[in-house]
Amino acid sequence: MPLEYTTYFRSVIAFGVVRVLEDEGQQRAAIEQLAIRYAPQDSPQHRQQAIQAEWSALCMLEMELHHLSGKQAKELALPKGE
């Protein structure tokens, strides 16, 4: 059972143009950057094995960002304790 029911929220909406990365070099560079960002402790060898294991199913998209819009509930913006 939840401690409370709430309407707290955070959201972001992105507007832009999306394209499929078809160049293998661009795909590799992009997936490497993501892997390093989200698993920085991983070894280069393990990272390469994981990428290679999923490579055939990989589809990389790139978004040219035109505008971002975000909002959050005022309760989330207040300093803790208020």
PDB file of N, CA and C in Angstrom:
ATOM      1  N   MET A   1       0.843  -1.173   0.000  1.00  0.00           N
ATOM      2  CA  MET A   1       0.000   0.000   0.000  1.00  0.00           C
ATOM      3  C   MET A   1       0.896   1.247   0.000  1.00  0.00           C
ATOM      4  N   PRO A   2       0.631   2.216  -0.901  1.00  0.00           N
ATOM      5  CA  PRO A   2       1.468   3.423  -0.930  1.00  0.00           C
ATOM      6  C   PRO A   2       1.274   4.267   0.313  1.00  0.00           C
ATOM      7  N   LEU A   3       2.311   5.022   0.663  1.00  0.00           N
ATOM      8  CA  LEU A   3       2.217   5.929   1.797  1.00  0.00           C
ATOM      9  C   LEU A   3       1.266   7.080   1.502  1.00  0.00           C
ATOM     10  N   GLU A   4       1.227   7.486   0.235  1.00  0.00           N
ATOM     11  CA  GLU A   4       0.318   8.552  -0.163  1.00  0.00           C
ATOM     12  C   GLU A   4       0.070   8.470  -1.662  1.00  0.00           C
ATOM     13  N   TYR A   5      -1.080   8.958  -2.073  1.00  0.00           N
ATOM     14  CA  TYR A   5      -1.360   9.112  -3.494  1.00  0.00           C
ATOM     15  C   TYR A   5      -0.933  10.520  -3.876  1.00  0.00           C
ATOM     16  N   THR A   6      -0.271  10.652  -5.018  1.00  0.00           N
ATOM     17  CA  THR A   6       0.264  11.961  -5.374  1.00  0.00           C
ATOM     18  C   THR A   6       0.158  12.215  -6.867  1.00  0.00           C
ATOM     19  N   THR A   7       0.268  13.445  -7.205  1.00  0.00           N
ATOM     20  CA  THR A   7       0.323  13.847  -8.609  1.00  0.00           C
ATOM     21  C   THR A   7       1.692  14.452  -8.912  1.00  0.00           C
ATOM     22  N   TYR A   8       2.708  14.058  -8.134  1.00  0.00           N
ATOM     23  CA  TYR A   8       4.061  14.538  -8.402  1.00  0.00           C
ATOM     24  C   TYR A   8       4.482  14.046  -9.779  1.00  0.00           C
ATOM     25  N   PHE A   9       5.140  14.892 -10.544  1.00  0.00           N
ATOM     26  CA  PHE A   9       5.559  14.484 -11.883  1.00  0.00           C
ATOM     27  C   PHE A   9       6.782  15.281 -12.313  1.00  0.00           C
ATOM     28  N   ARG A  10       7.507  14.717 -13.217  1.00  0.00           N
ATOM     29  CA  ARG A  10       8.574  15.384 -13.961  1.00  0.00           C
ATOM     30  C   ARG A  10       8.400  14.922 -15.395  1.00  0.00           C
ATOM     31  N   SER A  11       8.496  15.825 -16.325  1.00  0.00           N
ATOM     32  CA  SER A  11       8.359  15.418 -17.719  1.00  0.00           C
ATOM     33  C   SER A  11       9.194  16.320 -18.617  1.00  0.00           C
ATOM     34  N   VAL A  12       9.595  15.750 -19.738  1.00  0.00           N
ATOM     35  CA  VAL A  12      10.320  16.484 -20.768  1.00  0.00           C
ATOM     36  C   VAL A  12       9.720  16.081 -22.104  1.00  0.00           C
ATOM     37  N   ILE A  13       9.509  17.060 -22.958  1.00  0.00           N
ATOM     38  CA  ILE A  13       9.048  16.808 -24.311  1.00  0.00           C
ATOM     39  C   ILE A  13      10.108  17.374 -25.248  1.00  0.00           C
ATOM     40  N   ALA A  14      10.542  16.569 -26.205  1.00  0.00           N
ATOM     41  CA  ALA A  14      11.561  16.990 -27.159  1.00  0.00           C
ATOM     42  C   ALA A  14      10.943  17.100 -28.549  1.00  0.00           C
ATOM     43  N   PHE A  15      11.278  18.165 -29.243  1.00  0.00           N
ATOM     44  CA  PHE A  15      10.823  18.378 -30.609  1.00  0.00           C
ATOM     45  C   PHE A  15      12.047  18.431 -31.512  1.00  0.00           C
ATOM     46  N   GLY A  16      11.970  17.793 -32.664  1.00  0.00           N
ATOM     47  CA  GLY A  16      13.082  17.824 -33.589  1.00  0.00           C
ATOM     48  C   GLY A  16      12.874  16.853 -34.730  1.00  0.00           C
ATOM     49  N   VAL A  17      13.961  16.551 -35.402  1.00  0.00           N
ATOM     50  CA  VAL A  17      13.944  15.637 -36.542  1.00  0.00           C
ATOM     51  C   VAL A  17      14.809  14.433 -36.189  1.00  0.00           C
ATOM     52  N   VAL A  18      14.267  13.246 -36.391  1.00  0.00           N
ATOM     53  CA  VAL A  18      14.971  12.009 -36.087  1.00  0.00           C
ATOM     54  C   VAL A  18      15.383  11.333 -37.391  1.00  0.00           C
ATOM     55  N   ARG A  19      16.590  10.789 -37.386  1.00  0.00           N
ATOM     56  CA  ARG A  19      17.043  10.016 -38.548  1.00  0.00           C
ATOM     57  C   ARG A  19      17.701   8.738 -38.064  1.00  0.00           C
ATOM     58  N   VAL A  20      17.647   7.731 -38.912  1.00  0.00           N
ATOM     59  CA  VAL A  20      18.295   6.451 -38.627  1.00  0.00           C
ATOM     60  C   VAL A  20      19.763   6.588 -39.005  1.00  0.00           C
ATOM     61  N   LEU A  21      20.664   6.226 -38.085  1.00  0.00           N
ATOM     62  CA  LEU A  21      22.091   6.202 -38.411  1.00  0.00           C
ATOM     63  C   LEU A  21      22.348   4.945 -39.229  1.00  0.00           C
ATOM     64  N   GLU A  22      22.779   5.115 -40.453  1.00  0.00           N
ATOM     65  CA  GLU A  22      23.018   3.966 -41.324  1.00  0.00           C
ATOM     66  C   GLU A  22      24.498   3.664 -41.499  1.00  0.00           C
ATOM     67  N   ASP A  23      25.347   4.659 -41.245  1.00  0.00           N
ATOM     68  CA  ASP A  23      26.788   4.464 -41.366  1.00  0.00           C
ATOM     69  C   ASP A  23      27.295   3.663 -40.167  1.00  0.00           C
ATOM     70  N   GLU A  24      27.967   2.548 -40.421  1.00  0.00           N
ATOM     71  CA  GLU A  24      28.418   1.668 -39.342  1.00  0.00           C
ATOM     72  C   GLU A  24      29.395   2.370 -38.402  1.00  0.00           C
ATOM     73  N   GLY A  25      30.225   3.230 -38.929  1.00  0.00           N
ATOM     74  CA  GLY A  25      31.163   3.975 -38.085  1.00  0.00           C
ATOM     75  C   GLY A  25      30.431   4.892 -37.109  1.00  0.00           C
ATOM     76  N   GLN A  26      29.395   5.575 -37.586  1.00  0.00           N
ATOM     77  CA  GLN A  26      28.595   6.445 -36.719  1.00  0.00           C
ATOM     78  C   GLN A  26      27.841   5.624 -35.684  1.00  0.00           C
ATOM     79  N   GLN A  27      27.321   4.463 -36.099  1.00  0.00           N
ATOM     80  CA  GLN A  27      26.616   3.591 -35.163  1.00  0.00           C
ATOM     81  C   GLN A  27      27.554   3.124 -34.049  1.00  0.00           C
ATOM     82  N   ARG A  28      28.735   2.678 -34.429  1.00  0.00           N
ATOM     83  CA  ARG A  28      29.704   2.196 -33.427  1.00  0.00           C
ATOM     84  C   ARG A  28      30.099   3.300 -32.465  1.00  0.00           C
ATOM     85  N   ALA A  29      30.366   4.482 -32.996  1.00  0.00           N
ATOM     86  CA  ALA A  29      30.761   5.601 -32.141  1.00  0.00           C
ATOM     87  C   ALA A  29      29.642   5.943 -31.157  1.00  0.00           C
ATOM     88  N   ALA A  30      28.403   5.948 -31.632  1.00  0.00           N
ATOM     89  CA  ALA A  30      27.262   6.299 -30.774  1.00  0.00           C
ATOM     90  C   ALA A  30      27.046   5.249 -29.687  1.00  0.00           C
ATOM     91  N   ILE A  31      27.093   3.968 -30.041  1.00  0.00           N
ATOM     92  CA  ILE A  31      26.843   2.920 -29.045  1.00  0.00           C
ATOM     93  C   ILE A  31      27.990   2.854 -28.033  1.00  0.00           C
ATOM     94  N   GLU A  32      29.200   3.128 -28.479  1.00  0.00           N
ATOM     95  CA  GLU A  32      30.347   3.194 -27.553  1.00  0.00           C
ATOM     96  C   GLU A  32      30.138   4.295 -26.521  1.00  0.00           C
ATOM     97  N   GLN A  33      29.721   5.476 -26.984  1.00  0.00           N
ATOM     98  CA  GLN A  33      29.487   6.596 -26.065  1.00  0.00           C
ATOM     99  C   GLN A  33      28.403   6.256 -25.048  1.00  0.00           C
ATOM    100  N   LEU A  34      27.325   5.628 -25.508  1.00  0.00           N
ATOM    101  CA  LEU A  34      26.261   5.231 -24.584  1.00  0.00           C
ATOM    102  C   LEU A  34      26.751   4.193 -23.583  1.00  0.00           C
ATOM    103  N   ALA A  35      27.499   3.211 -24.055  1.00  0.00           N
ATOM    104  CA  ALA A  35      27.997   2.156 -23.170  1.00  0.00           C
ATOM    105  C   ALA A  35      28.930   2.734 -22.105  1.00  0.00           C
ATOM    106  N   ILE A  36      29.800   3.615 -22.501  1.00  0.00           N
ATOM    107  CA  ILE A  36      30.737   4.231 -21.551  1.00  0.00           C
ATOM    108  C   ILE A  36      29.980   5.105 -20.551  1.00  0.00           C
ATOM    109  N   ARG A  37      28.977   5.812 -21.026  1.00  0.00           N
ATOM    110  CA  ARG A  37      28.209   6.682 -20.123  1.00  0.00           C
ATOM    111  C   ARG A  37      27.446   5.884 -19.072  1.00  0.00           C
ATOM    112  N   TYR A  38      26.794   4.800 -19.489  1.00  0.00           N
ATOM    113  CA  TYR A  38      25.924   4.071 -18.569  1.00  0.00           C
ATOM    114  C   TYR A  38      26.590   2.888 -17.877  1.00  0.00           C
ATOM    115  N   ALA A  39      27.781   2.500 -18.319  1.00  0.00           N
ATOM    116  CA  ALA A  39      28.527   1.442 -17.629  1.00  0.00           C
ATOM    117  C   ALA A  39      30.015   1.788 -17.663  1.00  0.00           C
ATOM    118  N   PRO A  40      30.400   2.902 -17.024  1.00  0.00           N
ATOM    119  CA  PRO A  40      31.785   3.363 -17.107  1.00  0.00           C
ATOM    120  C   PRO A  40      32.789   2.390 -16.490  1.00  0.00           C
ATOM    121  N   GLN A  41      32.345   1.551 -15.567  1.00  0.00           N
ATOM    122  CA  GLN A  41      33.240   0.602 -14.913  1.00  0.00           C
ATOM    123  C   GLN A  41      33.516  -0.640 -15.760  1.00  0.00           C
ATOM    124  N   ASP A  42      32.762  -0.830 -16.839  1.00  0.00           N
ATOM    125  CA  ASP A  42      32.913  -2.015 -17.680  1.00  0.00           C
ATOM    126  C   ASP A  42      34.252  -1.985 -18.414  1.00  0.00           C
ATOM    127  N   SER A  43      34.846  -3.146 -18.625  1.00  0.00           N
ATOM    128  CA  SER A  43      36.109  -3.213 -19.354  1.00  0.00           C
ATOM    129  C   SER A  43      35.853  -3.046 -20.850  1.00  0.00           C
ATOM    130  N   PRO A  44      36.826  -2.509 -21.576  1.00  0.00           N
ATOM    131  CA  PRO A  44      36.657  -2.368 -23.028  1.00  0.00           C
ATOM    132  C   PRO A  44      36.360  -3.707 -23.714  1.00  0.00           C
ATOM    133  N   GLN A  45      36.984  -4.788 -23.238  1.00  0.00           N
ATOM    134  CA  GLN A  45      36.752  -6.097 -23.841  1.00  0.00           C
ATOM    135  C   GLN A  45      35.306  -6.556 -23.639  1.00  0.00           C
ATOM    136  N   HIS A  46      34.801  -6.425 -22.434  1.00  0.00           N
ATOM    137  CA  HIS A  46      33.420  -6.845 -22.166  1.00  0.00           C
ATOM    138  C   HIS A  46      32.433  -5.961 -22.926  1.00  0.00           C
ATOM    139  N   ARG A  47      32.715  -4.667 -22.970  1.00  0.00           N
ATOM    140  CA  ARG A  47      31.859  -3.741 -23.709  1.00  0.00           C
ATOM    141  C   ARG A  47      31.771  -4.158 -25.174  1.00  0.00           C
ATOM    142  N   GLN A  48      32.906  -4.469 -25.783  1.00  0.00           N
ATOM    143  CA  GLN A  48      32.917  -4.888 -27.188  1.00  0.00           C
ATOM    144  C   GLN A  48      32.162  -6.200 -27.397  1.00  0.00           C
ATOM    145  N   GLN A  49      32.302  -7.132 -26.467  1.00  0.00           N
ATOM    146  CA  GLN A  49      31.578  -8.403 -26.561  1.00  0.00           C
ATOM    147  C   GLN A  49      30.073  -8.167 -26.499  1.00  0.00           C
ATOM    148  N   ALA A  50      29.639  -7.318 -25.581  1.00  0.00           N
ATOM    149  CA  ALA A  50      28.210  -7.034 -25.428  1.00  0.00           C
ATOM    150  C   ALA A  50      27.653  -6.341 -26.668  1.00  0.00           C
ATOM    151  N   ILE A  51      28.399  -5.386 -27.201  1.00  0.00           N
ATOM    152  CA  ILE A  51      27.956  -4.689 -28.414  1.00  0.00           C
ATOM    153  C   ILE A  51      27.875  -5.665 -29.579  1.00  0.00           C
ATOM    154  N   GLN A  52      28.899  -6.476 -29.742  1.00  0.00           N
ATOM    155  CA  GLN A  52      28.926  -7.429 -30.855  1.00  0.00           C
ATOM    156  C   GLN A  52      27.786  -8.443 -30.756  1.00  0.00           C
ATOM    157  N   ALA A  53      27.456  -8.870 -29.548  1.00  0.00           N
ATOM    158  CA  ALA A  53      26.395  -9.863 -29.358  1.00  0.00           C
ATOM    159  C   ALA A  53      25.038  -9.326 -29.811  1.00  0.00           C
ATOM    160  N   GLU A  54      24.825  -8.029 -29.711  1.00  0.00           N
ATOM    161  CA  GLU A  54      23.532  -7.423 -30.059  1.00  0.00           C
ATOM    162  C   GLU A  54      23.581  -6.612 -31.348  1.00  0.00           C
ATOM    163  N   TRP A  55      24.719  -6.609 -32.015  1.00  0.00           N
ATOM    164  CA  TRP A  55      24.927  -5.723 -33.162  1.00  0.00           C
ATOM    165  C   TRP A  55      23.905  -5.920 -34.278  1.00  0.00           C
ATOM    166  N   SER A  56      23.564  -7.146 -34.610  1.00  0.00           N
ATOM    167  CA  SER A  56      22.680  -7.385 -35.761  1.00  0.00           C
ATOM    168  C   SER A  56      21.270  -6.826 -35.524  1.00  0.00           C
ATOM    169  N   ALA A  57      20.841  -6.693 -34.288  1.00  0.00           N
ATOM    170  CA  ALA A  57      19.503  -6.179 -33.989  1.00  0.00           C
ATOM    171  C   ALA A  57      19.506  -4.677 -33.685  1.00  0.00           C
ATOM    172  N   LEU A  58      20.678  -4.065 -33.702  1.00  0.00           N
ATOM    173  CA  LEU A  58      20.820  -2.673 -33.288  1.00  0.00           C
ATOM    174  C   LEU A  58      20.281  -1.706 -34.345  1.00  0.00           C
ATOM    175  N   CYS A  59      19.514  -0.741 -33.892  1.00  0.00           N
ATOM    176  CA  CYS A  59      19.055   0.368 -34.729  1.00  0.00           C
ATOM    177  C   CYS A  59      19.347   1.640 -33.948  1.00  0.00           C
ATOM    178  N   MET A  60      20.193   2.475 -34.462  1.00  0.00           N
ATOM    179  CA  MET A  60      20.561   3.716 -33.770  1.00  0.00           C
ATOM    180  C   MET A  60      19.845   4.892 -34.433  1.00  0.00           C
ATOM    181  N   LEU A  61      19.241   5.723 -33.599  1.00  0.00           N
ATOM    182  CA  LEU A  61      18.555   6.918 -34.069  1.00  0.00           C
ATOM    183  C   LEU A  61      19.274   8.145 -33.530  1.00  0.00           C
ATOM    184  N   GLU A  62      19.288   9.191 -34.330  1.00  0.00           N
ATOM    185  CA  GLU A  62      19.873  10.464 -33.912  1.00  0.00           C
ATOM    186  C   GLU A  62      18.798  11.538 -34.044  1.00  0.00           C
ATOM    187  N   MET A  63      18.682  12.363 -33.015  1.00  0.00           N
ATOM    188  CA  MET A  63      17.688  13.436 -33.060  1.00  0.00           C
ATOM    189  C   MET A  63      18.380  14.782 -33.125  1.00  0.00           C
ATOM    190  N   GLU A  64      17.993  15.559 -34.137  1.00  0.00           N
ATOM    191  CA  GLU A  64      18.418  16.953 -34.214  1.00  0.00           C
ATOM    192  C   GLU A  64      17.390  17.739 -33.407  1.00  0.00           C
ATOM    193  N   LEU A  65      17.800  18.196 -32.263  1.00  0.00           N
ATOM    194  CA  LEU A  65      16.899  18.827 -31.310  1.00  0.00           C
ATOM    195  C   LEU A  65      16.563  20.250 -31.736  1.00  0.00           C
ATOM    196  N   HIS A  66      15.274  20.561 -31.795  1.00  0.00           N
ATOM    197  CA  HIS A  66      14.832  21.913 -32.125  1.00  0.00           C
ATOM    198  C   HIS A  66      14.323  22.664 -30.901  1.00  0.00           C
ATOM    199  N   HIS A  67      13.705  21.922 -29.980  1.00  0.00           N
ATOM    200  CA  HIS A  67      13.122  22.580 -28.806  1.00  0.00           C
ATOM    201  C   HIS A  67      12.889  21.546 -27.708  1.00  0.00           C
ATOM    202  N   LEU A  68      13.167  21.933 -26.469  1.00  0.00           N
ATOM    203  CA  LEU A  68      12.859  21.102 -25.297  1.00  0.00           C
ATOM    204  C   LEU A  68      11.893  21.854 -24.401  1.00  0.00           C
ATOM    205  N   SER A  69      10.974  21.119 -23.824  1.00  0.00           N
ATOM    206  CA  SER A  69      10.036  21.690 -22.870  1.00  0.00           C
ATOM    207  C   SER A  69       9.974  20.751 -21.677  1.00  0.00           C
ATOM    208  N   GLY A  70      10.026  21.289 -20.484  1.00  0.00           N
ATOM    209  CA  GLY A  70       9.973  20.435 -19.303  1.00  0.00           C
ATOM    210  C   GLY A  70       9.176  21.079 -18.196  1.00  0.00           C
ATOM    211  N   LYS A  71       8.683  20.235 -17.297  1.00  0.00           N
ATOM    212  CA  LYS A  71       7.968  20.748 -16.139  1.00  0.00           C
ATOM    213  C   LYS A  71       8.039  19.718 -15.018  1.00  0.00           C
ATOM    214  N   GLN A  72       7.758  20.197 -13.819  1.00  0.00           N
ATOM    215  CA  GLN A  72       7.691  19.294 -12.676  1.00  0.00           C
ATOM    216  C   GLN A  72       6.711  19.859 -11.659  1.00  0.00           C
ATOM    217  N   ALA A  73       6.211  18.980 -10.836  1.00  0.00           N
ATOM    218  CA  ALA A  73       5.287  19.396  -9.783  1.00  0.00           C
ATOM    219  C   ALA A  73       6.016  20.328  -8.824  1.00  0.00           C
ATOM    220  N   LYS A  74       5.316  21.326  -8.319  1.00  0.00           N
ATOM    221  CA  LYS A  74       5.960  22.282  -7.414  1.00  0.00           C
ATOM    222  C   LYS A  74       6.520  21.596  -6.179  1.00  0.00           C
ATOM    223  N   GLU A  75       5.905  20.489  -5.754  1.00  0.00           N
ATOM    224  CA  GLU A  75       6.394  19.767  -4.579  1.00  0.00           C
ATOM    225  C   GLU A  75       7.803  19.207  -4.803  1.00  0.00           C
ATOM    226  N   LEU A  76       8.129  18.885  -6.045  1.00  0.00           N
ATOM    227  CA  LEU A  76       9.460  18.361  -6.352  1.00  0.00           C
ATOM    228  C   LEU A  76      10.502  19.470  -6.458  1.00  0.00           C
ATOM    229  N   ALA A  77      10.051  20.691  -6.657  1.00  0.00           N
ATOM    230  CA  ALA A  77      10.982  21.826  -6.800  1.00  0.00           C
ATOM    231  C   ALA A  77      11.334  22.458  -5.464  1.00  0.00           C
ATOM    232  N   LEU A  78      10.537  22.182  -4.438  1.00  0.00           N
ATOM    233  CA  LEU A  78      10.810  22.780  -3.123  1.00  0.00           C
ATOM    234  C   LEU A  78      12.041  22.137  -2.476  1.00  0.00           C
ATOM    235  N   PRO A  79      12.845  22.940  -1.770  1.00  0.00           N
ATOM    236  CA  PRO A  79      13.965  22.351  -1.026  1.00  0.00           C
ATOM    237  C   PRO A  79      13.446  21.351  -0.018  1.00  0.00           C
ATOM    238  N   LYS A  80      14.220  20.322   0.259  1.00  0.00           N
ATOM    239  CA  LYS A  80      13.817  19.298   1.222  1.00  0.00           C
ATOM    240  C   LYS A  80      13.543  19.929   2.588  1.00  0.00           C
ATOM    241  N   GLY A  81      12.499  19.460   3.245  1.00  0.00           N
ATOM    242  CA  GLY A  81      12.144  19.969   4.556  1.00  0.00           C
ATOM    243  C   GLY A  81      11.091  21.073   4.542  1.00  0.00           C
ATOM    244  N   GLU A  82      10.753  21.550   3.353  1.00  0.00           N
ATOM    245  CA  GLU A  82       9.716  22.608   3.279  1.00  0.00           C
ATOM    246  C   GLU A  82       8.386  22.004   2.961  1.00  0.00           C
TER     247      GLU A  82
END
